[in-house]
C-alpha cells in the first residue's frame, strides 16, 4: 500500500492517485532546481552574486564561496566552503560570494 507523502503512516483507504498529486509540486520543484530551469548564473570573478535565493552551487573549477543559508547549521553566519571542481553543494542560499574559482549558481524555484 502506498505511503502518504509527508507522513510515515500507510493508510489502507488512501487513493494512490491522490498521493501522487500531493507529491507532484515537490517533484516539480526539485526537478526545476536540479535541472536549472529557474535560471542560473555563471561567475568567474570574485564578488557577490545578485538575484538569489539559490538552490545549488556547482564548481566548474575549484572554488571557495562564502554562503549564507537558511537551512545549514550555522545559518546565522557566513560560512566559507571549499568546493572541488565538478562538485555541487545544495542548500537554501540567501547570499553567495565567490572568493576564488569558477561556479554556476542555480536559482531556487
N, C-alpha and C. Protein backbone atom coordinates (compact mmCIF):
# COMPACT_ATOMS: atom_id res chain seq x y z
N UNK A 1 0.85 -1.18 0.00
CA UNK A 1 0.00 0.00 0.00
C UNK A 1 0.89 1.24 0.00
N UNK A 2 0.53 2.29 -0.74
CA UNK A 2 1.37 3.49 -0.83
C UNK A 2 1.47 4.22 0.50
N UNK A 3 2.55 4.91 0.65
CA UNK A 3 2.78 5.69 1.85
C UNK A 3 2.35 7.12 1.57
N UNK A 4 1.65 7.74 2.52
CA UNK A 4 1.20 9.12 2.36
C UNK A 4 2.41 10.05 2.34
N UNK A 5 2.45 10.94 1.36
CA UNK A 5 3.55 11.90 1.27
C UNK A 5 3.56 12.78 2.49
N UNK A 6 4.70 12.90 3.12
CA UNK A 6 4.83 13.76 4.28
C UNK A 6 4.57 13.06 5.60
N UNK A 7 4.21 11.80 5.57
CA UNK A 7 4.00 11.06 6.81
C UNK A 7 4.67 9.70 6.70
N UNK A 8 4.77 9.02 7.82
CA UNK A 8 5.30 7.66 7.82
C UNK A 8 4.18 6.65 8.03
N UNK A 9 2.96 7.07 7.84
CA UNK A 9 1.82 6.20 8.09
C UNK A 9 1.22 5.76 6.76
N UNK A 10 0.99 4.47 6.64
CA UNK A 10 0.34 3.93 5.45
C UNK A 10 -1.13 3.76 5.76
N UNK A 11 -1.96 4.27 4.89
CA UNK A 11 -3.40 4.17 5.09
C UNK A 11 -3.97 3.19 4.09
N UNK A 12 -4.83 2.31 4.56
CA UNK A 12 -5.48 1.34 3.68
C UNK A 12 -6.50 1.99 2.77
N UNK A 13 -6.98 3.19 3.12
CA UNK A 13 -8.07 3.82 2.37
C UNK A 13 -7.59 4.93 1.44
N UNK A 14 -6.31 5.25 1.46
CA UNK A 14 -5.83 6.35 0.63
C UNK A 14 -5.80 5.95 -0.84
N UNK A 15 -6.20 6.88 -1.67
CA UNK A 15 -6.19 6.70 -3.10
C UNK A 15 -4.77 6.99 -3.60
N UNK A 16 -4.12 6.02 -4.24
CA UNK A 16 -2.75 6.24 -4.72
C UNK A 16 -2.63 7.46 -5.64
N UNK A 17 -3.66 7.73 -6.43
CA UNK A 17 -3.61 8.88 -7.33
C UNK A 17 -3.59 10.19 -6.53
N UNK A 18 -4.33 10.26 -5.42
CA UNK A 18 -4.31 11.46 -4.59
C UNK A 18 -2.94 11.67 -3.97
N UNK A 19 -2.29 10.59 -3.57
CA UNK A 19 -0.94 10.70 -3.01
C UNK A 19 0.01 11.24 -4.08
N UNK A 20 -0.10 10.75 -5.30
CA UNK A 20 0.74 11.23 -6.39
C UNK A 20 0.55 12.72 -6.61
N UNK A 21 -0.71 13.18 -6.62
CA UNK A 21 -0.97 14.60 -6.83
C UNK A 21 -0.43 15.45 -5.70
N UNK A 22 -0.40 14.92 -4.48
CA UNK A 22 0.17 15.65 -3.35
C UNK A 22 1.67 15.85 -3.54
N UNK A 23 2.34 14.89 -4.15
CA UNK A 23 3.80 14.96 -4.27
C UNK A 23 4.25 15.66 -5.54
N UNK A 24 3.39 15.84 -6.53
CA UNK A 24 3.80 16.46 -7.78
C UNK A 24 4.44 17.84 -7.62
N UNK A 25 3.88 18.74 -6.82
CA UNK A 25 4.55 20.04 -6.69
C UNK A 25 5.97 19.91 -6.15
N UNK A 26 6.20 18.97 -5.22
CA UNK A 26 7.55 18.79 -4.69
C UNK A 26 8.48 18.22 -5.75
N UNK A 27 7.99 17.27 -6.54
CA UNK A 27 8.79 16.70 -7.61
C UNK A 27 9.09 17.76 -8.66
N UNK A 28 8.09 18.56 -8.98
CA UNK A 28 8.28 19.63 -9.97
C UNK A 28 9.32 20.63 -9.50
N UNK A 29 9.23 21.04 -8.24
CA UNK A 29 10.19 21.99 -7.68
C UNK A 29 11.59 21.41 -7.68
N UNK A 30 11.73 20.16 -7.26
CA UNK A 30 13.03 19.51 -7.23
C UNK A 30 13.63 19.44 -8.63
N UNK A 31 12.83 19.05 -9.60
CA UNK A 31 13.32 18.96 -10.98
C UNK A 31 13.75 20.32 -11.50
N UNK A 32 12.95 21.34 -11.22
CA UNK A 32 13.26 22.68 -11.70
C UNK A 32 14.60 23.15 -11.11
N UNK A 33 14.80 22.92 -9.80
CA UNK A 33 16.04 23.35 -9.16
C UNK A 33 17.23 22.55 -9.65
N UNK A 34 17.09 21.23 -9.72
CA UNK A 34 18.24 20.41 -10.06
C UNK A 34 18.62 20.52 -11.52
N UNK A 35 17.67 20.89 -12.38
CA UNK A 35 17.96 21.00 -13.80
C UNK A 35 18.19 22.44 -14.25
N UNK A 36 18.14 23.39 -13.32
CA UNK A 36 18.43 24.77 -13.65
C UNK A 36 17.31 25.49 -14.37
N UNK A 37 16.10 24.97 -14.33
CA UNK A 37 15.01 25.60 -15.07
C UNK A 37 14.56 26.93 -14.47
N UNK A 38 14.97 27.21 -13.24
CA UNK A 38 14.65 28.50 -12.64
C UNK A 38 15.71 29.54 -12.99
N UNK A 39 16.76 29.10 -13.66
CA UNK A 39 17.83 30.00 -14.08
C UNK A 39 19.12 29.74 -13.31
N UNK A 40 20.19 30.24 -13.84
CA UNK A 40 21.50 30.06 -13.22
C UNK A 40 22.38 31.23 -13.60
N UNK A 41 23.46 31.39 -12.84
CA UNK A 41 24.43 32.45 -13.11
C UNK A 41 25.82 31.82 -13.08
N UNK A 42 26.60 32.09 -14.12
CA UNK A 42 28.00 31.67 -14.16
C UNK A 42 28.83 32.81 -13.60
N UNK A 43 29.71 32.48 -12.67
CA UNK A 43 30.54 33.52 -12.03
C UNK A 43 31.99 33.05 -12.05
N UNK A 44 32.86 33.89 -12.65
CA UNK A 44 34.28 33.53 -12.74
C UNK A 44 35.19 34.56 -12.10
N UNK A 45 34.62 35.66 -11.62
CA UNK A 45 35.41 36.69 -10.95
C UNK A 45 34.91 36.83 -9.52
N UNK A 46 35.81 37.10 -8.61
CA UNK A 46 35.43 37.24 -7.20
C UNK A 46 34.38 38.32 -7.03
N UNK A 47 33.46 38.06 -6.11
CA UNK A 47 32.42 39.04 -5.82
C UNK A 47 31.10 38.37 -5.47
N UNK A 48 30.15 39.19 -5.06
CA UNK A 48 28.84 38.70 -4.65
C UNK A 48 27.95 38.45 -5.87
N UNK A 49 27.12 37.43 -5.78
CA UNK A 49 26.14 37.15 -6.81
C UNK A 49 24.87 37.92 -6.51
N UNK A 50 24.20 38.35 -7.54
CA UNK A 50 22.93 39.07 -7.40
C UNK A 50 21.80 38.18 -7.91
N UNK A 51 20.60 38.35 -7.35
CA UNK A 51 19.43 37.68 -7.90
C UNK A 51 19.00 36.40 -7.25
N UNK A 52 19.49 36.10 -6.05
CA UNK A 52 19.10 34.86 -5.36
C UNK A 52 17.65 34.87 -4.94
N UNK A 53 17.19 33.94 -4.19
CA UNK A 53 17.93 32.90 -3.49
C UNK A 53 18.39 31.79 -4.44
N UNK A 54 19.32 30.99 -3.94
CA UNK A 54 19.98 29.97 -4.73
C UNK A 54 19.73 28.59 -4.14
N UNK A 55 19.65 27.57 -4.99
CA UNK A 55 19.39 26.20 -4.54
C UNK A 55 20.63 25.32 -4.59
N UNK A 56 21.57 25.64 -5.48
CA UNK A 56 22.76 24.80 -5.64
C UNK A 56 23.91 25.63 -6.20
N UNK A 57 25.12 25.16 -5.88
CA UNK A 57 26.34 25.79 -6.39
C UNK A 57 27.21 24.68 -6.95
N UNK A 58 27.56 24.79 -8.22
CA UNK A 58 28.43 23.82 -8.87
C UNK A 58 29.74 24.50 -9.22
N UNK A 59 30.84 23.88 -8.84
CA UNK A 59 32.16 24.44 -9.15
C UNK A 59 32.62 23.90 -10.50
N UNK A 60 32.90 24.80 -11.44
CA UNK A 60 33.46 24.38 -12.73
C UNK A 60 34.99 24.37 -12.66
N UNK A 61 35.53 25.03 -11.67
CA UNK A 61 36.95 24.96 -11.29
C UNK A 61 36.94 25.05 -9.76
N UNK A 62 37.94 24.47 -9.12
CA UNK A 62 37.98 24.50 -7.66
C UNK A 62 37.67 25.92 -7.18
N UNK A 63 36.73 26.02 -6.22
CA UNK A 63 36.24 27.33 -5.79
C UNK A 63 36.15 27.42 -4.28
N UNK A 64 36.19 28.65 -3.81
CA UNK A 64 35.88 28.97 -2.41
C UNK A 64 34.73 29.96 -2.47
N UNK A 65 33.65 29.64 -1.78
CA UNK A 65 32.49 30.52 -1.73
C UNK A 65 32.12 30.79 -0.28
N UNK A 66 31.63 31.98 -0.04
CA UNK A 66 31.03 32.32 1.26
C UNK A 66 29.53 32.30 1.05
N UNK A 67 28.83 31.57 1.91
CA UNK A 67 27.38 31.43 1.75
C UNK A 67 26.65 31.76 3.04
N UNK A 68 25.47 32.31 2.88
CA UNK A 68 24.51 32.43 3.97
C UNK A 68 23.39 31.48 3.60
N UNK A 69 22.96 30.66 4.55
CA UNK A 69 21.94 29.67 4.25
C UNK A 69 20.95 29.57 5.38
N UNK A 70 19.66 29.48 5.01
CA UNK A 70 18.60 29.34 5.99
C UNK A 70 18.43 27.92 6.49
N UNK A 71 19.11 26.95 5.87
CA UNK A 71 18.90 25.57 6.31
C UNK A 71 20.20 24.82 6.62
N UNK A 72 21.29 25.53 6.80
CA UNK A 72 22.52 24.92 7.26
C UNK A 72 22.65 25.20 8.76
N UNK A 73 23.42 24.40 9.46
CA UNK A 73 23.55 24.53 10.91
C UNK A 73 23.98 25.92 11.33
N UNK A 74 25.00 26.49 10.68
CA UNK A 74 25.48 27.84 11.00
C UNK A 74 24.77 28.87 10.14
N UNK A 75 23.44 28.84 10.13
CA UNK A 75 22.69 29.66 9.18
C UNK A 75 22.76 31.16 9.47
N UNK A 76 23.17 31.55 10.69
CA UNK A 76 23.24 32.97 11.01
C UNK A 76 24.55 33.60 10.59
N UNK A 77 25.52 32.78 10.29
CA UNK A 77 26.85 33.29 9.96
C UNK A 77 27.20 32.95 8.52
N UNK A 78 28.03 33.76 7.93
CA UNK A 78 28.56 33.43 6.61
C UNK A 78 29.54 32.29 6.78
N UNK A 79 29.39 31.28 5.95
CA UNK A 79 30.22 30.09 6.04
C UNK A 79 31.08 29.99 4.78
N UNK A 80 32.39 29.88 4.95
CA UNK A 80 33.29 29.68 3.81
C UNK A 80 33.31 28.19 3.47
N UNK A 81 33.11 27.88 2.19
CA UNK A 81 33.04 26.50 1.75
C UNK A 81 34.00 26.29 0.59
N UNK A 82 34.86 25.27 0.70
CA UNK A 82 35.71 24.85 -0.41
C UNK A 82 34.91 23.88 -1.25
N UNK A 83 34.80 24.16 -2.55
CA UNK A 83 34.04 23.29 -3.45
C UNK A 83 35.00 22.78 -4.53
N UNK A 84 35.28 21.48 -4.53
CA UNK A 84 36.18 20.93 -5.54
C UNK A 84 35.58 21.04 -6.94
N UNK A 85 36.42 21.11 -7.95
CA UNK A 85 35.95 21.17 -9.34
C UNK A 85 35.03 19.99 -9.62
N UNK A 86 33.89 20.29 -10.20
CA UNK A 86 32.92 19.26 -10.55
C UNK A 86 31.90 18.94 -9.47
N UNK A 87 32.14 19.41 -8.25
CA UNK A 87 31.23 19.12 -7.14
C UNK A 87 30.09 20.13 -7.12
N UNK A 88 28.95 19.70 -6.55
CA UNK A 88 27.79 20.56 -6.38
C UNK A 88 27.36 20.49 -4.93
N UNK A 89 27.09 21.66 -4.34
CA UNK A 89 26.54 21.69 -2.99
C UNK A 89 25.12 22.25 -3.08
N UNK A 90 24.26 21.78 -2.20
CA UNK A 90 22.86 22.17 -2.21
C UNK A 90 22.48 22.84 -0.90
N UNK A 91 21.52 23.74 -0.96
CA UNK A 91 21.03 24.39 0.24
C UNK A 91 20.05 25.48 -0.13
N UNK A 92 19.65 26.23 0.84
CA UNK A 92 18.78 27.39 0.64
C UNK A 92 19.66 28.61 0.87
N UNK A 93 20.42 28.98 -0.16
CA UNK A 93 21.41 30.04 -0.02
C UNK A 93 20.78 31.40 -0.27
N UNK A 94 20.84 32.25 0.74
CA UNK A 94 20.29 33.60 0.60
C UNK A 94 21.33 34.56 0.04
N UNK A 95 22.61 34.22 0.19
CA UNK A 95 23.69 35.05 -0.35
C UNK A 95 24.87 34.15 -0.68
N UNK A 96 25.53 34.46 -1.81
CA UNK A 96 26.73 33.74 -2.23
C UNK A 96 27.76 34.78 -2.67
N UNK A 97 28.98 34.63 -2.15
CA UNK A 97 30.09 35.46 -2.61
C UNK A 97 31.20 34.52 -3.05
N UNK A 98 31.63 34.67 -4.29
CA UNK A 98 32.74 33.87 -4.81
C UNK A 98 34.04 34.52 -4.38
N UNK A 99 34.89 33.75 -3.71
CA UNK A 99 36.20 34.23 -3.28
C UNK A 99 37.25 33.88 -4.34
N UNK A 100 37.18 32.64 -4.84
CA UNK A 100 38.11 32.21 -5.88
C UNK A 100 37.47 31.07 -6.65
N UNK A 101 37.98 30.83 -7.86
CA UNK A 101 37.47 29.74 -8.69
C UNK A 101 36.37 30.19 -9.63
N UNK A 102 35.61 29.22 -10.10
CA UNK A 102 34.51 29.46 -11.04
C UNK A 102 33.33 28.60 -10.64
N UNK A 103 32.13 29.18 -10.67
CA UNK A 103 30.94 28.44 -10.26
C UNK A 103 29.75 28.73 -11.18
N UNK A 104 28.79 27.82 -11.12
CA UNK A 104 27.46 28.06 -11.64
C UNK A 104 26.53 27.98 -10.44
N UNK A 105 25.78 29.04 -10.19
CA UNK A 105 24.84 29.08 -9.07
C UNK A 105 23.42 28.93 -9.67
N UNK A 106 22.70 27.93 -9.17
CA UNK A 106 21.35 27.64 -9.67
C UNK A 106 20.33 28.31 -8.78
N UNK A 107 19.43 29.07 -9.40
CA UNK A 107 18.40 29.79 -8.65
C UNK A 107 17.38 28.83 -8.06
N UNK A 108 16.89 29.18 -6.89
CA UNK A 108 15.81 28.40 -6.27
C UNK A 108 14.52 28.72 -7.00
N UNK A 109 13.66 27.74 -7.13
CA UNK A 109 12.40 27.94 -7.85
C UNK A 109 11.41 28.71 -7.04
